[in-house]
Amino acid sequence: MPSEMSGMQVRIVASAVDIAPTAWLELAPRNDPLWTRGCLMALENAALGPRQWDYIVITINNCTAAILPTFTYAPLDLAMVVNARAKKGLGQLRRILPRFGFVQVLFCGHLLGEGRALIADWAPPSVPRALSDAVLTLSKDRRATWVIVKDLPSAELERWWPVLRERGFFQVPGVADAVLPISWPTWPEYELTLRGNARRNLGKRRRRLTRHDGVRIETVSDYQAMAPLMIPLYEQVVARAPAVLDVWSEHSFREFARRLHQATDIDSELVACWRGDELVGFVVLLVAGRGCVALRLGLDYRVAAELELYHNLHYQAIKIATDRKCASISFGQAAHATKRQYGCRELPLTHVVTHRNPILRLILRVGLARLLHRSPQIPLM
């Protein structure tokens, strides 16, 4: 690389800053904050775990036809991303083989959200093939034995699967995203969409919060200085998570907030719950176009149940998204039963996976199928 054929050029760039803003405006979804250029540039600098970021860019006659973000973990500790049963098995094996389960992985798509390749409507059918070939070449350059095209919704899977199947990839069910479509113009009308226990619970939970003196929820547009207060609450949530791909530090929250505060294509707000002068809960919101994402959550579990923090922070996020005239809000890949109470729908996602070793690829194809028969979802974030 670069390689050229009929005016096509495939190149690798190290940052979204190296891609023209006009290309992002043309190719990226307008209502998904995670896929804004500003968000990806912020993630690159937040030190969340990947060793290296790369973007595969395809141009045809100097016009950008496709962009695919990738990120490499070298290595990735599988104990971070598997369920509790698998963690136990890894722990037992590591008593004998301490380095077992540390793998080199090239991920394609988005670190924090659903995966896709940004492909122009006018791009010819050869572009997905060129992207998939570039992915396999890049995996060799980065010495990644695993390649995972992660969290594909059905439309993206339909586009990618024919060319990836030819190249030895296989499908692994992912964890669904919880998305709340917003069709009501105001918060009171949202309340009216809820039925029975869901509406009664909303009222009880909000009253339970407000009856405590000194407890308040506020929205902060520039939360860089709050990073030291946020990290202990975030770590309490992560400690209870079954799997996690990105690991945030105080630096991560501060740098992410700083970059987003400077970005022009995305807004970020912190919904913060205080008890007196003490931060006891927060949720980071991203907004772009008519899309909203509740990105990361932090809770003080000493008071979380008493104040119904989890629910009240999410209710406030829904209210903000409603006030901002968003068409939807994404709540991520956890606690689906709880989020169905808010009216969320589940968006199925699929990983497409391969291993560069053909023998291991065959073993994994069969072994993962058996594992998934018992546990139908493998979370990768």
Protein backbone atom coordinates (compact mmCIF):
# COMPACT_ATOMS: atom_id res chain seq x y z
CA MET A 1 0.00 0.00 0.00
CA PRO A 2 -0.80 2.39 -1.54
CA SER A 3 -2.15 0.28 -4.41
CA GLU A 4 -3.91 1.65 -7.45
CA MET A 5 -6.29 0.07 -9.94
CA SER A 6 -8.65 1.97 -12.24
CA GLY A 7 -8.13 5.17 -10.29
CA MET A 8 -8.50 3.46 -6.88
CA GLN A 9 -5.99 4.12 -4.12
CA VAL A 10 -5.88 2.37 -0.75
CA ARG A 11 -3.89 4.05 2.00
CA ILE A 12 -3.45 3.87 5.78
CA VAL A 13 -3.51 7.01 7.91
CA ALA A 14 -2.80 7.23 11.63
CA SER A 15 -5.52 9.62 12.75
CA ALA A 16 -8.90 11.04 11.80
CA VAL A 17 -7.16 14.41 11.70
CA ASP A 18 -5.49 13.20 8.48
CA ILE A 19 -8.88 12.79 6.78
CA ALA A 20 -10.63 15.81 5.35
CA PRO A 21 -13.64 17.04 7.37
CA THR A 22 -15.65 17.18 4.13
CA ALA A 23 -15.16 13.43 3.67
CA TRP A 24 -16.58 12.77 7.14
CA LEU A 25 -19.56 15.02 6.45
CA GLU A 26 -20.27 13.13 3.25
CA LEU A 27 -19.79 9.56 4.49
CA ALA A 28 -20.52 9.42 8.22
CA PRO A 29 -24.08 8.95 9.57
CA ARG A 30 -25.46 12.36 10.50
CA ASN A 31 -27.27 11.24 13.63
CA ASP A 32 -24.65 9.08 15.36
CA PRO A 33 -22.38 11.09 17.69
CA LEU A 34 -19.90 8.22 18.01
CA TRP A 35 -19.11 8.40 14.30
CA THR A 36 -18.29 12.09 14.20
CA ARG A 37 -14.74 13.03 13.36
CA GLY A 38 -14.49 14.93 16.64
CA CYS A 39 -15.43 11.88 18.72
CA LEU A 40 -12.92 9.60 17.02
CA MET A 41 -10.13 12.16 17.39
CA ALA A 42 -10.98 12.43 21.09
CA LEU A 43 -10.87 8.65 21.52
CA GLU A 44 -7.46 8.40 19.84
CA ASN A 45 -6.01 10.64 22.55
CA ALA A 46 -7.85 9.20 25.54
CA ALA A 47 -5.58 6.16 26.09
CA LEU A 48 -8.41 3.63 26.44
CA GLY A 49 -6.46 0.46 25.69
CA PRO A 50 -5.64 0.14 21.97
CA ARG A 51 -1.92 0.26 21.20
CA GLN A 52 -2.47 1.77 17.77
CA TRP A 53 -5.18 3.39 15.66
CA ASP A 54 -5.29 3.16 11.87
CA TYR A 55 -7.79 4.30 9.26
CA ILE A 56 -8.10 2.54 5.93
CA VAL A 57 -9.03 5.18 3.34
CA ILE A 58 -10.02 4.39 -0.23
CA THR A 59 -10.12 7.11 -2.85
CA ILE A 60 -11.24 6.83 -6.45
CA ASN A 61 -10.01 9.55 -8.76
CA ASN A 62 -9.10 11.62 -5.67
CA CYS A 63 -12.64 11.36 -4.19
CA THR A 64 -13.00 9.57 -0.85
CA ALA A 65 -15.01 6.38 -1.42
CA ALA A 66 -14.60 4.66 1.96
CA ILE A 67 -13.17 5.05 5.46
CA LEU A 68 -12.73 2.22 7.95
CA PRO A 69 -11.37 2.89 11.46
CA THR A 70 -9.31 0.08 13.01
CA PHE A 71 -7.58 -0.29 16.35
CA THR A 72 -5.03 -2.84 17.51
CA TYR A 73 -4.67 -4.46 20.91
CA ALA A 74 -1.24 -6.01 21.30
CA PRO A 75 -1.93 -7.81 23.43
CA LEU A 76 -5.56 -8.00 24.53
CA ASP A 77 -6.25 -9.85 27.78
CA LEU A 78 -9.19 -12.13 27.02
CA ALA A 79 -10.16 -12.00 30.69
CA MET A 80 -11.38 -8.45 30.02
CA VAL A 81 -13.92 -9.43 27.38
CA VAL A 82 -15.31 -12.85 28.31
CA ASN A 83 -18.05 -13.85 30.72
CA ALA A 84 -17.56 -15.01 34.31
CA ARG A 85 -17.41 -18.71 33.47
CA ALA A 86 -14.68 -18.15 30.88
CA LYS A 87 -12.78 -15.88 33.30
CA LYS A 88 -12.70 -18.71 35.83
CA GLY A 89 -11.34 -21.12 33.24
CA LEU A 90 -8.67 -18.64 32.15
CA GLY A 91 -7.61 -18.16 35.75
CA GLN A 92 -7.12 -21.88 36.22
CA LEU A 93 -5.08 -22.21 33.02
CA ARG A 94 -2.88 -19.27 33.96
CA ARG A 95 -1.71 -21.07 37.08
CA ILE A 96 0.19 -23.30 34.66
CA LEU A 97 0.59 -20.96 31.65
CA PRO A 98 0.78 -17.38 32.97
CA ARG A 99 0.60 -15.78 29.50
CA PHE A 100 -2.29 -17.87 28.21
CA GLY A 101 -5.16 -15.82 26.78
CA PHE A 102 -3.20 -12.71 25.80
CA VAL A 103 -3.87 -12.28 22.07
CA GLN A 104 -2.97 -9.83 19.30
CA VAL A 105 -6.20 -8.44 17.84
CA LEU A 106 -7.03 -6.02 15.05
CA PHE A 107 -10.55 -4.66 15.51
CA CYS A 108 -12.42 -2.97 12.68
CA GLY A 109 -15.22 -0.49 13.33
CA HIS A 110 -15.78 1.61 16.43
CA LEU A 111 -14.25 1.07 19.85
CA LEU A 112 -17.40 2.17 21.70
CA GLY A 113 -20.33 1.70 19.32
CA GLU A 114 -21.83 -0.30 16.50
CA GLY A 115 -19.47 -1.10 13.67
CA ARG A 116 -19.62 0.00 10.08
CA ALA A 117 -17.46 1.02 7.17
CA LEU A 118 -18.14 4.51 5.86
CA ILE A 119 -18.76 3.87 2.15
CA ALA A 120 -20.03 6.43 -0.36
CA ASP A 121 -23.32 5.70 -2.09
CA TRP A 122 -21.60 6.00 -5.46
CA ALA A 123 -18.78 3.58 -4.57
CA PRO A 124 -18.55 0.53 -6.89
CA PRO A 125 -18.92 -3.06 -5.56
CA SER A 126 -15.14 -3.45 -5.64
CA VAL A 127 -14.76 -1.12 -2.62
CA PRO A 128 -15.88 -3.60 0.11
CA ARG A 129 -13.53 -6.17 -1.41
CA ALA A 130 -10.67 -3.69 -1.40
CA LEU A 131 -11.43 -2.82 2.23
CA SER A 132 -11.45 -6.45 3.32
CA ASP A 133 -8.16 -7.14 1.53
CA ALA A 134 -6.66 -4.06 3.18
CA VAL A 135 -7.84 -5.29 6.59
CA LEU A 136 -6.03 -8.61 6.17
CA THR A 137 -2.86 -6.89 4.95
CA LEU A 138 -2.97 -4.46 7.86
CA SER A 139 -3.41 -7.33 10.33
CA LYS A 140 -0.11 -8.79 9.11
CA ASP A 141 1.61 -5.42 9.35
CA ARG A 142 0.36 -5.03 12.94
CA ARG A 143 1.18 -8.68 13.76
CA ALA A 144 -2.40 -9.33 14.80
CA THR A 145 -3.41 -12.99 14.67
CA TRP A 146 -7.09 -12.24 15.32
CA VAL A 147 -9.22 -9.93 13.14
CA ILE A 148 -12.64 -8.89 14.43
CA VAL A 149 -15.10 -6.74 12.50
CA LYS A 150 -17.16 -5.85 15.53
CA ASP A 151 -20.77 -5.06 16.38
CA LEU A 152 -22.29 -5.01 12.90
CA PRO A 153 -26.02 -4.20 12.65
CA SER A 154 -27.96 -6.21 10.10
CA ALA A 155 -27.57 -3.76 7.18
CA GLU A 156 -23.79 -3.61 7.64
CA LEU A 157 -23.56 -7.37 8.08
CA GLU A 158 -25.41 -7.83 4.79
CA ARG A 159 -22.90 -5.57 3.05
CA TRP A 160 -19.78 -7.13 4.60
CA TRP A 161 -20.60 -10.80 4.95
CA PRO A 162 -20.29 -11.99 1.29
CA VAL A 163 -16.72 -10.66 0.91
CA LEU A 164 -15.60 -11.60 4.43
CA ARG A 165 -16.94 -15.15 4.14
CA GLU A 166 -14.79 -15.63 1.02
CA ARG A 167 -11.78 -14.65 3.13
CA GLY A 168 -12.36 -17.18 5.91
CA PHE A 169 -14.34 -15.10 8.41
CA PHE A 170 -17.16 -16.53 10.50
CA GLN A 171 -19.99 -14.94 12.50
CA VAL A 172 -20.22 -14.63 16.28
CA PRO A 173 -23.37 -13.17 17.88
CA GLY A 174 -22.71 -9.95 19.75
CA VAL A 175 -24.64 -8.18 22.49
CA ALA A 176 -27.57 -6.08 21.32
CA ASP A 177 -27.58 -2.30 21.68
CA ALA A 178 -30.46 -0.77 23.67
CA VAL A 179 -31.96 2.10 21.66
CA LEU A 180 -34.90 4.31 22.63
CA PRO A 181 -36.68 5.86 19.61
CA ILE A 182 -38.03 9.30 20.56
CA SER A 183 -41.34 10.24 19.00
CA TRP A 184 -42.78 12.52 21.71
CA PRO A 185 -42.17 16.29 21.71
CA THR A 186 -41.98 16.84 25.48
CA TRP A 187 -41.08 14.99 28.67
CA PRO A 188 -44.69 14.83 30.02
CA GLU A 189 -45.73 13.16 26.78
CA TYR A 190 -42.95 10.62 27.20
CA GLU A 191 -44.36 9.74 30.60
CA LEU A 192 -47.72 9.10 28.96
CA THR A 193 -46.14 6.54 26.61
CA LEU A 194 -45.23 4.36 29.60
CA ARG A 195 -47.77 1.92 30.89
CA GLY A 196 -48.60 0.41 34.24
CA ASN A 197 -45.63 -0.28 36.49
CA ALA A 198 -43.17 1.56 34.24
CA ARG A 199 -45.00 4.87 34.68
CA ARG A 200 -45.60 4.34 38.40
CA ASN A 201 -41.95 3.40 38.93
CA LEU A 202 -40.77 6.51 37.12
CA GLY A 203 -42.78 8.73 39.47
CA LYS A 204 -41.68 6.87 42.60
CA ARG A 205 -38.02 6.92 41.62
CA ARG A 206 -37.96 10.63 40.86
CA ARG A 207 -39.75 11.44 44.11
CA ARG A 208 -37.33 9.22 46.01
CA LEU A 209 -34.45 11.34 44.73
CA THR A 210 -35.98 14.76 45.30
CA ARG A 211 -37.11 14.11 48.88
CA HIS A 212 -33.47 14.01 50.02
CA ASP A 213 -32.12 17.39 51.12
CA GLY A 214 -29.01 18.52 49.28
CA VAL A 215 -29.44 16.08 46.39
CA ARG A 216 -29.61 17.58 42.92
CA ILE A 217 -29.02 16.69 39.28
CA GLU A 218 -27.37 19.19 37.00
CA THR A 219 -25.89 19.29 33.52
CA VAL A 220 -22.27 20.33 32.95
CA SER A 221 -21.05 21.22 29.45
CA ASP A 222 -17.32 21.34 30.25
CA TYR A 223 -16.44 18.60 32.73
CA GLN A 224 -12.65 18.35 32.33
CA ALA A 225 -12.00 19.45 35.91
CA MET A 226 -14.44 16.84 37.24
CA ALA A 227 -12.39 13.87 36.03
CA PRO A 228 -10.87 13.16 39.50
CA LEU A 229 -14.39 12.94 40.95
CA MET A 230 -15.70 10.80 38.10
CA ILE A 231 -13.10 8.05 38.05
CA PRO A 232 -13.92 6.42 41.46
CA LEU A 233 -17.60 6.19 40.47
CA TYR A 234 -16.80 4.78 37.03
CA GLU A 235 -14.49 2.17 38.58
CA GLN A 236 -17.31 0.97 40.82
CA VAL A 237 -19.44 0.30 37.74
CA VAL A 238 -16.61 -1.39 35.84
CA ALA A 239 -15.93 -3.68 38.80
CA ARG A 240 -19.45 -5.06 38.38
CA ALA A 241 -19.36 -5.31 34.57
CA PRO A 242 -19.17 -8.80 33.01
CA ALA A 243 -16.80 -7.63 30.26
CA VAL A 244 -15.10 -4.45 29.14
CA LEU A 245 -13.00 -3.53 26.12
CA ASP A 246 -12.17 0.10 26.88
CA VAL A 247 -10.64 1.09 30.22
CA TRP A 248 -10.97 4.74 31.26
CA SER A 249 -8.62 6.59 33.57
CA GLU A 250 -8.70 10.07 35.03
CA HIS A 251 -6.58 11.15 32.07
CA SER A 252 -9.09 9.52 29.70
CA PHE A 253 -12.07 11.44 31.03
CA ARG A 254 -10.16 14.72 31.14
CA GLU A 255 -8.67 14.39 27.66
CA PHE A 256 -11.93 13.16 26.14
CA ALA A 257 -13.86 16.07 27.66
CA ARG A 258 -11.21 18.57 26.54
CA ARG A 259 -11.21 17.37 22.95
CA LEU A 260 -14.99 17.26 22.69
CA HIS A 261 -15.28 20.74 24.18
CA GLN A 262 -13.16 21.96 21.26
CA ALA A 263 -14.96 19.92 18.57
CA THR A 264 -17.44 21.58 16.24
CA ASP A 265 -19.35 18.53 15.03
CA ILE A 266 -20.46 17.07 18.40
CA ASP A 267 -21.75 18.23 21.78
CA SER A 268 -20.99 16.48 25.05
CA GLU A 269 -22.66 17.00 28.40
CA LEU A 270 -22.23 15.45 31.81
CA VAL A 271 -25.40 14.66 33.76
CA ALA A 272 -24.12 14.85 37.33
CA CYS A 273 -25.91 13.93 40.55
CA TRP A 274 -24.65 15.61 43.73
CA ARG A 275 -25.32 14.98 47.39
CA GLY A 276 -24.16 18.23 48.92
CA ASP A 277 -20.66 18.77 47.56
CA GLU A 278 -20.12 15.09 46.78
CA LEU A 279 -20.52 13.67 43.28
CA VAL A 280 -22.48 10.41 43.62
CA GLY A 281 -23.42 9.62 40.03
CA PHE A 282 -22.96 10.70 36.45
CA VAL A 283 -23.65 9.78 32.84
CA VAL A 284 -21.70 11.18 29.87
CA LEU A 285 -23.96 12.21 26.97
CA LEU A 286 -22.95 12.79 23.36
CA VAL A 287 -25.22 14.59 20.90
CA ALA A 288 -24.83 15.12 17.15
CA GLY A 289 -27.57 15.82 14.65
CA ARG A 290 -30.67 14.12 16.02
CA GLY A 291 -28.77 11.32 17.73
CA CYS A 292 -27.85 10.97 21.40
CA VAL A 293 -25.64 8.40 23.14
CA ALA A 294 -25.39 7.73 26.88
CA LEU A 295 -21.72 6.82 26.73
CA ARG A 296 -20.36 6.03 30.19
CA LEU A 297 -21.89 5.80 33.66
CA GLY A 298 -20.53 6.21 37.18
CA LEU A 299 -22.31 5.39 40.46
CA ASP A 300 -21.58 5.54 44.16
CA TYR A 301 -23.06 2.22 45.22
CA ARG A 302 -23.19 3.32 48.84
CA VAL A 303 -26.19 5.50 47.97
CA ALA A 304 -27.18 4.22 44.51
CA ALA A 305 -30.16 2.17 45.70
CA GLU A 306 -31.36 4.77 48.18
CA LEU A 307 -31.41 7.51 45.54
CA GLU A 308 -32.37 5.27 42.60
CA LEU A 309 -29.34 6.76 40.86
CA TYR A 310 -29.19 4.41 37.89
CA HIS A 311 -32.77 5.11 36.86
CA ASN A 312 -32.82 8.80 37.66
CA LEU A 313 -29.67 9.49 35.64
CA HIS A 314 -31.17 7.66 32.67
CA TYR A 315 -34.48 9.50 33.03
CA GLN A 316 -32.59 12.79 32.96
CA ALA A 317 -30.71 11.64 29.85
CA ILE A 318 -34.04 10.90 28.14
CA LYS A 319 -35.33 14.33 29.13
CA ILE A 320 -32.24 16.04 27.70
CA ALA A 321 -32.49 14.06 24.45
CA THR A 322 -36.17 15.01 24.23
CA ASP A 323 -35.44 18.69 24.85
CA ARG A 324 -32.67 18.57 22.21
CA LYS A 325 -35.22 17.18 19.70
CA CYS A 326 -33.24 13.98 19.21
CA ALA A 327 -34.82 11.12 17.28
CA SER A 328 -33.23 8.44 19.46
CA ILE A 329 -30.92 7.77 22.37
CA SER A 330 -28.60 4.77 22.63
CA PHE A 331 -28.00 3.28 26.08
CA GLY A 332 -25.37 0.69 25.15
CA GLN A 333 -25.03 -3.06 25.54
CA ALA A 334 -25.98 -3.82 29.13
CA ALA A 335 -29.01 -4.18 31.44
CA HIS A 336 -31.47 -4.79 28.62
CA ALA A 337 -34.34 -5.87 30.88
CA THR A 338 -34.08 -2.64 32.85
CA LYS A 339 -33.87 -0.48 29.74
CA ARG A 340 -36.95 -2.13 28.25
CA GLN A 341 -38.82 -0.41 31.09
CA TYR A 342 -37.87 2.92 29.51
CA GLY A 343 -39.23 1.80 26.13
CA CYS A 344 -35.90 0.75 24.60
CA ARG A 345 -35.68 -1.67 21.71
CA GLU A 346 -32.83 -4.10 21.21
CA LEU A 347 -30.72 -3.72 18.07
CA PRO A 348 -29.02 -7.07 17.30
CA LEU A 349 -25.30 -6.88 16.55
CA THR A 350 -22.92 -9.47 15.10
CA HIS A 351 -19.13 -9.84 15.15
CA VAL A 352 -17.36 -11.28 12.10
CA VAL A 353 -14.14 -13.00 13.14
CA THR A 354 -11.13 -14.76 11.68
CA HIS A 355 -7.71 -16.03 12.74
CA ARG A 356 -4.68 -15.89 10.49
CA ASN A 357 -3.76 -19.48 11.35
CA PRO A 358 -6.10 -21.69 9.24
CA ILE A 359 -6.00 -24.62 11.69
CA LEU A 360 -6.84 -22.42 14.67
CA ARG A 361 -9.49 -20.72 12.55
CA LEU A 362 -11.23 -24.05 12.04
CA ILE A 363 -10.98 -24.93 15.74
CA LEU A 364 -12.36 -21.55 16.74
CA ARG A 365 -15.20 -21.78 14.25
CA VAL A 366 -16.33 -25.08 15.77
CA GLY A 367 -15.42 -24.26 19.39
CA LEU A 368 -17.14 -20.90 19.46
CA ALA A 369 -20.24 -22.42 17.92
CA ARG A 370 -20.44 -24.93 20.77
CA LEU A 371 -19.80 -22.26 23.38
CA LEU A 372 -22.46 -19.99 21.87
CA HIS A 373 -24.96 -22.85 21.95
CA ARG A 374 -24.72 -22.65 25.75
CA SER A 375 -24.19 -18.89 26.02
CA PRO A 376 -25.72 -17.16 22.99
CA GLN A 377 -23.97 -13.82 23.40
CA ILE A 378 -20.29 -12.97 23.75
CA PRO A 379 -19.78 -9.34 24.82
CA LEU A 380 -16.76 -7.58 23.35
CA MET A 381 -17.37 -4.27 25.13
